[in-house]
Amino acid sequence: MSTKQIRATLHLNIDQIDDRFLRVLYVMTETYLKEQEDALLESEINAIPPNESWRPMTEEELSARLSKSTEQIKKGNYQDLEDLKKESNQW
């Protein structure tokens, strides 16, 4: 049976099945599609080459960076979402 025939048969069968099985089929297809979407996103993320400046941080380095960032935020030295959107529209 070809894929085209399988699709046509499934469409006919869906109209005939009871609500309980229809719900099971719905959950199965939604789960499958979500897994496919997640796999595609993961492969796209993994294809991004790492920045050479990225490296693991010690707990002390992370804490110092957090303190510095907190101070910058308190001083108003940050970009909000609207600023980032405006900036990205100019790319």
N, C-alpha and C. Protein backbone atom coordinates (compact mmCIF):
# COMPACT_ATOMS: atom_id res chain seq x y z
N MET A 1 0.86 -1.18 0.00
CA MET A 1 0.00 0.00 0.00
C MET A 1 0.90 1.24 0.00
N SER A 2 0.62 2.17 -0.88
CA SER A 2 1.42 3.39 -0.98
C SER A 2 1.09 4.36 0.16
N THR A 3 1.95 5.32 0.35
CA THR A 3 1.72 6.34 1.37
C THR A 3 0.43 7.10 1.08
N LYS A 4 0.21 7.38 -0.18
CA LYS A 4 -1.01 8.10 -0.57
C LYS A 4 -2.26 7.29 -0.20
N GLN A 5 -2.23 5.98 -0.43
CA GLN A 5 -3.35 5.12 -0.10
C GLN A 5 -3.55 5.04 1.42
N ILE A 6 -2.45 4.96 2.15
CA ILE A 6 -2.52 4.91 3.62
C ILE A 6 -3.18 6.18 4.15
N ARG A 7 -2.77 7.33 3.63
CA ARG A 7 -3.37 8.60 4.07
C ARG A 7 -4.87 8.62 3.81
N ALA A 8 -5.26 8.21 2.62
CA ALA A 8 -6.68 8.21 2.26
C ALA A 8 -7.47 7.27 3.16
N THR A 9 -6.93 6.09 3.43
CA THR A 9 -7.60 5.13 4.31
C THR A 9 -7.71 5.68 5.72
N LEU A 10 -6.64 6.28 6.22
CA LEU A 10 -6.68 6.87 7.56
C LEU A 10 -7.73 7.97 7.66
N HIS A 11 -7.81 8.80 6.65
CA HIS A 11 -8.82 9.87 6.66
C HIS A 11 -10.23 9.28 6.75
N LEU A 12 -10.46 8.24 6.01
CA LEU A 12 -11.78 7.58 6.06
C LEU A 12 -12.03 6.95 7.43
N ASN A 13 -11.01 6.30 7.96
CA ASN A 13 -11.14 5.62 9.26
C ASN A 13 -11.38 6.60 10.40
N ILE A 14 -10.74 7.75 10.34
CA ILE A 14 -10.88 8.75 11.40
C ILE A 14 -12.34 9.16 11.55
N ASP A 15 -13.04 9.27 10.46
CA ASP A 15 -14.46 9.65 10.53
C ASP A 15 -15.32 8.56 11.16
N GLN A 16 -14.80 7.35 11.25
CA GLN A 16 -15.60 6.23 11.74
C GLN A 16 -15.25 5.78 13.16
N ILE A 17 -14.11 6.21 13.69
CA ILE A 17 -13.70 5.71 15.01
C ILE A 17 -14.43 6.44 16.13
N ASP A 18 -14.44 5.78 17.30
CA ASP A 18 -15.14 6.38 18.44
C ASP A 18 -14.29 7.48 19.08
N ASP A 19 -14.90 8.26 19.96
CA ASP A 19 -14.24 9.41 20.58
C ASP A 19 -13.01 9.01 21.38
N ARG A 20 -13.10 7.90 22.08
CA ARG A 20 -11.98 7.47 22.93
C ARG A 20 -10.73 7.21 22.09
N PHE A 21 -10.89 6.45 21.02
CA PHE A 21 -9.73 6.16 20.17
C PHE A 21 -9.28 7.41 19.44
N LEU A 22 -10.21 8.27 19.09
CA LEU A 22 -9.85 9.53 18.43
C LEU A 22 -8.95 10.37 19.33
N ARG A 23 -9.24 10.40 20.61
CA ARG A 23 -8.41 11.14 21.56
C ARG A 23 -7.01 10.52 21.66
N VAL A 24 -6.95 9.19 21.67
CA VAL A 24 -5.65 8.49 21.71
C VAL A 24 -4.85 8.83 20.47
N LEU A 25 -5.49 8.78 19.33
CA LEU A 25 -4.82 9.10 18.07
C LEU A 25 -4.33 10.55 18.06
N TYR A 26 -5.15 11.44 18.59
CA TYR A 26 -4.77 12.85 18.66
C TYR A 26 -3.52 13.04 19.50
N VAL A 27 -3.50 12.43 20.68
CA VAL A 27 -2.34 12.56 21.57
C VAL A 27 -1.10 11.96 20.92
N MET A 28 -1.26 10.84 20.27
CA MET A 28 -0.12 10.21 19.60
C MET A 28 0.46 11.11 18.51
N THR A 29 -0.41 11.68 17.69
CA THR A 29 0.10 12.53 16.60
C THR A 29 0.71 13.82 17.13
N GLU A 30 0.09 14.41 18.15
CA GLU A 30 0.65 15.64 18.72
C GLU A 30 2.01 15.37 19.35
N THR A 31 2.13 14.27 20.05
CA THR A 31 3.41 13.90 20.67
C THR A 31 4.47 13.66 19.61
N TYR A 32 4.12 12.94 18.58
CA TYR A 32 5.05 12.67 17.49
C TYR A 32 5.53 13.96 16.83
N LEU A 33 4.60 14.85 16.52
CA LEU A 33 4.97 16.10 15.86
C LEU A 33 5.83 16.97 16.77
N LYS A 34 5.52 16.99 18.07
CA LYS A 34 6.33 17.76 19.02
C LYS A 34 7.74 17.20 19.10
N GLU A 35 7.87 15.88 19.12
CA GLU A 35 9.19 15.26 19.17
C GLU A 35 9.99 15.58 17.91
N GLN A 36 9.33 15.59 16.76
CA GLN A 36 9.99 15.93 15.51
C GLN A 36 10.46 17.39 15.53
N GLU A 37 9.61 18.25 16.02
CA GLU A 37 9.94 19.68 16.12
C GLU A 37 11.13 19.88 17.08
N ASP A 38 11.09 19.19 18.22
CA ASP A 38 12.18 19.29 19.19
C ASP A 38 13.49 18.78 18.62
N ALA A 39 13.43 17.67 17.88
CA ALA A 39 14.65 17.12 17.28
C ALA A 39 15.24 18.07 16.26
N LEU A 40 14.38 18.70 15.47
CA LEU A 40 14.86 19.67 14.48
C LEU A 40 15.51 20.86 15.17
N LEU A 41 14.86 21.37 16.21
CA LEU A 41 15.41 22.51 16.94
C LEU A 41 16.75 22.13 17.58
N GLU A 42 16.84 20.96 18.15
CA GLU A 42 18.09 20.53 18.78
C GLU A 42 19.21 20.42 17.75
N SER A 43 18.89 19.89 16.56
CA SER A 43 19.93 19.78 15.53
C SER A 43 20.37 21.16 15.05
N GLU A 44 19.43 22.11 14.98
CA GLU A 44 19.80 23.47 14.59
C GLU A 44 20.68 24.12 15.65
N ILE A 45 20.35 23.90 16.90
CA ILE A 45 21.15 24.46 18.00
C ILE A 45 22.54 23.84 18.00
N ASN A 46 22.61 22.53 17.81
CA ASN A 46 23.91 21.85 17.82
C ASN A 46 24.78 22.23 16.63
N ALA A 47 24.15 22.73 15.56
CA ALA A 47 24.90 23.15 14.39
C ALA A 47 25.56 24.51 14.56
N ILE A 48 25.18 25.24 15.60
CA ILE A 48 25.77 26.56 15.85
C ILE A 48 27.17 26.35 16.42
N PRO A 49 28.17 26.88 15.75
CA PRO A 49 29.52 26.68 16.28
C PRO A 49 29.71 27.47 17.58
N PRO A 50 30.39 26.87 18.54
CA PRO A 50 30.59 27.58 19.81
C PRO A 50 31.52 28.78 19.62
N ASN A 51 31.26 29.81 20.39
CA ASN A 51 32.09 31.00 20.39
C ASN A 51 33.38 30.66 21.13
N GLU A 52 34.51 31.01 20.56
CA GLU A 52 35.80 30.66 21.17
C GLU A 52 36.01 31.33 22.52
N SER A 53 35.28 32.42 22.77
CA SER A 53 35.45 33.11 24.06
C SER A 53 34.67 32.43 25.17
N TRP A 54 33.77 31.50 24.82
CA TRP A 54 33.01 30.79 25.83
C TRP A 54 33.89 29.75 26.49
N ARG A 55 33.81 29.68 27.79
CA ARG A 55 34.56 28.68 28.53
C ARG A 55 33.85 28.44 29.86
N PRO A 56 34.11 27.30 30.46
CA PRO A 56 33.49 27.04 31.76
C PRO A 56 33.95 28.08 32.79
N MET A 57 33.07 28.42 33.73
CA MET A 57 33.40 29.38 34.78
C MET A 57 33.46 28.67 36.12
N THR A 58 34.29 29.21 36.97
CA THR A 58 34.29 28.72 38.34
C THR A 58 33.12 29.36 39.07
N GLU A 59 32.80 28.85 40.23
CA GLU A 59 31.70 29.42 41.01
C GLU A 59 32.01 30.87 41.38
N GLU A 60 33.27 31.16 41.67
CA GLU A 60 33.67 32.53 42.02
C GLU A 60 33.51 33.47 40.82
N GLU A 61 33.90 33.00 39.64
CA GLU A 61 33.75 33.83 38.44
C GLU A 61 32.28 34.10 38.13
N LEU A 62 31.48 33.09 38.28
CA LEU A 62 30.06 33.26 38.04
C LEU A 62 29.44 34.23 39.03
N SER A 63 29.81 34.12 40.28
CA SER A 63 29.29 35.02 41.30
C SER A 63 29.73 36.46 41.03
N ALA A 64 30.99 36.66 40.63
CA ALA A 64 31.48 38.00 40.31
C ALA A 64 30.74 38.57 39.11
N ARG A 65 30.50 37.74 38.12
CA ARG A 65 29.77 38.21 36.93
C ARG A 65 28.33 38.58 37.29
N LEU A 66 27.71 37.80 38.15
CA LEU A 66 26.36 38.10 38.60
C LEU A 66 26.31 39.42 39.35
N SER A 67 27.27 39.64 40.23
CA SER A 67 27.32 40.90 40.98
C SER A 67 27.49 42.09 40.05
N LYS A 68 28.39 41.95 39.08
CA LYS A 68 28.63 43.03 38.12
C LYS A 68 27.36 43.32 37.31
N SER A 69 26.69 42.26 36.85
CA SER A 69 25.47 42.44 36.07
C SER A 69 24.36 43.08 36.89
N THR A 70 24.25 42.69 38.15
CA THR A 70 23.25 43.26 39.04
C THR A 70 23.48 44.76 39.22
N GLU A 71 24.71 45.15 39.39
CA GLU A 71 25.05 46.57 39.52
C GLU A 71 24.71 47.34 38.25
N GLN A 72 25.01 46.75 37.10
CA GLN A 72 24.69 47.41 35.83
C GLN A 72 23.18 47.62 35.68
N ILE A 73 22.40 46.63 36.10
CA ILE A 73 20.94 46.75 36.02
C ILE A 73 20.45 47.85 36.95
N LYS A 74 20.99 47.89 38.16
CA LYS A 74 20.59 48.92 39.12
C LYS A 74 20.89 50.32 38.58
N LYS A 75 21.96 50.46 37.81
CA LYS A 75 22.33 51.75 37.23
C LYS A 75 21.56 52.05 35.95
N GLY A 76 20.72 51.12 35.52
CA GLY A 76 19.95 51.33 34.29
C GLY A 76 20.73 51.04 33.04
N ASN A 77 21.85 50.38 33.17
CA ASN A 77 22.70 50.07 32.03
C ASN A 77 22.33 48.69 31.47
N TYR A 78 21.23 48.67 30.69
CA TYR A 78 20.76 47.43 30.08
C TYR A 78 19.87 47.77 28.89
N GLN A 79 19.57 46.75 28.08
CA GLN A 79 18.65 46.92 26.96
C GLN A 79 17.40 46.12 27.26
N ASP A 80 16.25 46.76 27.07
CA ASP A 80 15.01 46.03 27.27
C ASP A 80 14.60 45.37 25.95
N LEU A 81 13.53 44.60 25.99
CA LEU A 81 13.10 43.83 24.83
C LEU A 81 12.78 44.73 23.64
N GLU A 82 12.15 45.87 23.90
CA GLU A 82 11.83 46.78 22.79
C GLU A 82 13.09 47.29 22.11
N ASP A 83 14.12 47.62 22.89
CA ASP A 83 15.39 48.06 22.31
C ASP A 83 16.00 46.95 21.44
N LEU A 84 15.95 45.74 21.93
CA LEU A 84 16.51 44.62 21.16
C LEU A 84 15.73 44.37 19.88
N LYS A 85 14.41 44.52 19.94
CA LYS A 85 13.61 44.36 18.73
C LYS A 85 13.97 45.42 17.69
N LYS A 86 14.10 46.68 18.15
CA LYS A 86 14.48 47.76 17.23
C LYS A 86 15.84 47.48 16.60
N GLU A 87 16.77 47.03 17.43
CA GLU A 87 18.11 46.74 16.94
C GLU A 87 18.10 45.60 15.92
N SER A 88 17.33 44.54 16.22
CA SER A 88 17.30 43.39 15.31
C SER A 88 16.61 43.73 14.00
N ASN A 89 15.72 44.70 13.98
CA ASN A 89 15.06 45.11 12.73
C ASN A 89 16.02 45.80 11.79
N GLN A 90 17.14 46.26 12.31
CA GLN A 90 18.12 46.96 11.49
C GLN A 90 19.18 46.01 10.92
N TRP A 91 19.12 44.74 11.25
CA TRP A 91 20.12 43.78 10.75
C TRP A 91 19.95 43.52 9.30
